Amino acid sequence: MISMTRGLAPPAAPRAGVFEDMERDDNRRGPERDETDQFHRLVRQLVLDGDRRAAYAGRAARRTLAAMAPGATTAPLLGLGASGGAV
């Protein structure tokens, strides 16, 4: 006779289901095209709005370091050392 308190086999160990498999596959693929297109469209819209507001105020948007901070310099990314190789 089979007891109601004990099953025939031990319970199965938990494992990832279909949803987790689909999510893992989606994450492996990375951002989808429509997501990046929406982001770029939003950035373009914000840039145009900022340019429009600056023009209305009689200013222009600063796009370069020279325009944002006149006289500022940046450290060089690569330089030649005594050995002649990149530092």
Protein backbone atom coordinates (compact mmCIF):
# COMPACT_ATOMS: atom_id res chain seq x y z
CA MET A 1 0.00 0.00 0.00
CA ILE A 2 1.30 3.49 -0.90
CA SER A 3 1.44 6.02 1.89
CA MET A 4 -0.04 9.50 1.29
CA THR A 5 2.84 11.16 3.13
CA ARG A 6 5.63 9.72 0.95
CA GLY A 7 5.79 9.67 -2.80
CA LEU A 8 7.37 7.00 -4.92
CA ALA A 9 10.30 9.14 -6.11
CA PRO A 10 12.17 12.02 -4.49
CA PRO A 11 11.07 15.45 -5.68
CA ALA A 12 12.85 16.73 -8.76
CA ALA A 13 15.49 19.42 -8.29
CA PRO A 14 14.37 22.88 -9.42
CA ARG A 15 15.57 23.87 -12.86
CA ALA A 16 15.11 26.77 -15.25
CA GLY A 17 11.86 26.71 -17.11
CA VAL A 18 10.89 27.86 -20.58
CA PHE A 19 10.62 31.50 -19.48
CA GLU A 20 14.18 31.57 -18.12
CA ASP A 21 15.48 29.92 -21.31
CA MET A 22 13.72 32.54 -23.45
CA GLU A 23 15.01 35.39 -21.26
CA ARG A 24 18.59 34.05 -21.40
CA ASP A 25 18.37 33.82 -25.21
CA ASP A 26 16.97 37.36 -25.44
CA ASN A 27 19.74 38.73 -23.22
CA ARG A 28 22.37 36.96 -25.32
CA ARG A 29 21.06 38.68 -28.46
CA GLY A 30 21.40 42.15 -26.90
CA PRO A 31 19.32 45.25 -27.62
CA GLU A 32 16.91 44.90 -30.49
CA ARG A 33 16.87 47.29 -33.39
CA ASP A 34 13.61 49.01 -32.44
CA GLU A 35 14.96 49.76 -28.93
CA THR A 36 18.08 51.48 -30.27
CA ASP A 37 16.07 53.32 -32.92
CA GLN A 38 13.75 54.70 -30.23
CA PHE A 39 16.75 55.84 -28.17
CA HIS A 40 18.41 57.58 -31.13
CA ARG A 41 15.13 59.24 -32.08
CA LEU A 42 14.76 60.55 -28.51
CA VAL A 43 18.34 61.90 -28.47
CA ARG A 44 17.84 63.64 -31.83
CA GLN A 45 14.63 65.19 -30.55
CA LEU A 46 16.36 66.46 -27.39
CA VAL A 47 19.27 67.90 -29.40
CA LEU A 48 16.90 69.71 -31.77
CA ASP A 49 14.89 71.05 -28.84
CA GLY A 50 18.06 72.30 -27.12
CA ASP A 51 19.28 73.95 -30.32
CA ARG A 52 15.91 75.61 -30.82
CA ARG A 53 15.88 76.94 -27.25
CA ALA A 54 19.46 78.21 -27.54
CA ALA A 55 18.69 79.98 -30.82
CA TYR A 56 15.60 81.58 -29.29
CA ALA A 57 17.76 82.90 -26.43
CA GLY A 58 20.31 84.25 -28.92
CA ARG A 59 22.92 81.61 -28.17
CA ALA A 60 24.32 78.59 -29.98
CA ALA A 61 24.83 75.17 -28.47
CA ARG A 62 28.48 74.52 -27.62
CA ARG A 63 29.66 71.40 -29.41
CA THR A 64 33.42 71.37 -28.90
CA LEU A 65 35.76 71.63 -25.92
CA ALA A 66 37.16 74.87 -27.34
CA ALA A 67 33.67 76.39 -27.35
CA MET A 68 32.77 75.04 -23.90
CA ALA A 69 36.03 75.92 -22.15
CA PRO A 70 38.23 78.33 -24.12
CA GLY A 71 41.92 77.76 -23.41
CA ALA A 72 41.41 74.31 -21.89
CA THR A 73 43.73 71.55 -22.98
CA THR A 74 43.50 67.80 -22.64
CA ALA A 75 46.25 65.32 -21.90
CA PRO A 76 47.42 63.38 -24.96
CA LEU A 77 46.12 59.84 -25.10
CA LEU A 78 49.34 58.38 -26.52
CA GLY A 79 52.86 59.63 -26.23
CA LEU A 80 56.30 58.43 -27.21
CA GLY A 81 58.57 57.38 -24.38
CA ALA A 82 62.35 57.13 -24.31
CA SER A 83 62.18 53.63 -25.80
CA GLY A 84 60.22 54.91 -28.80
CA GLY A 85 57.14 52.85 -27.96
CA ALA A 86 53.73 54.03 -26.88
CA VAL A 87 53.37 54.96 -23.21
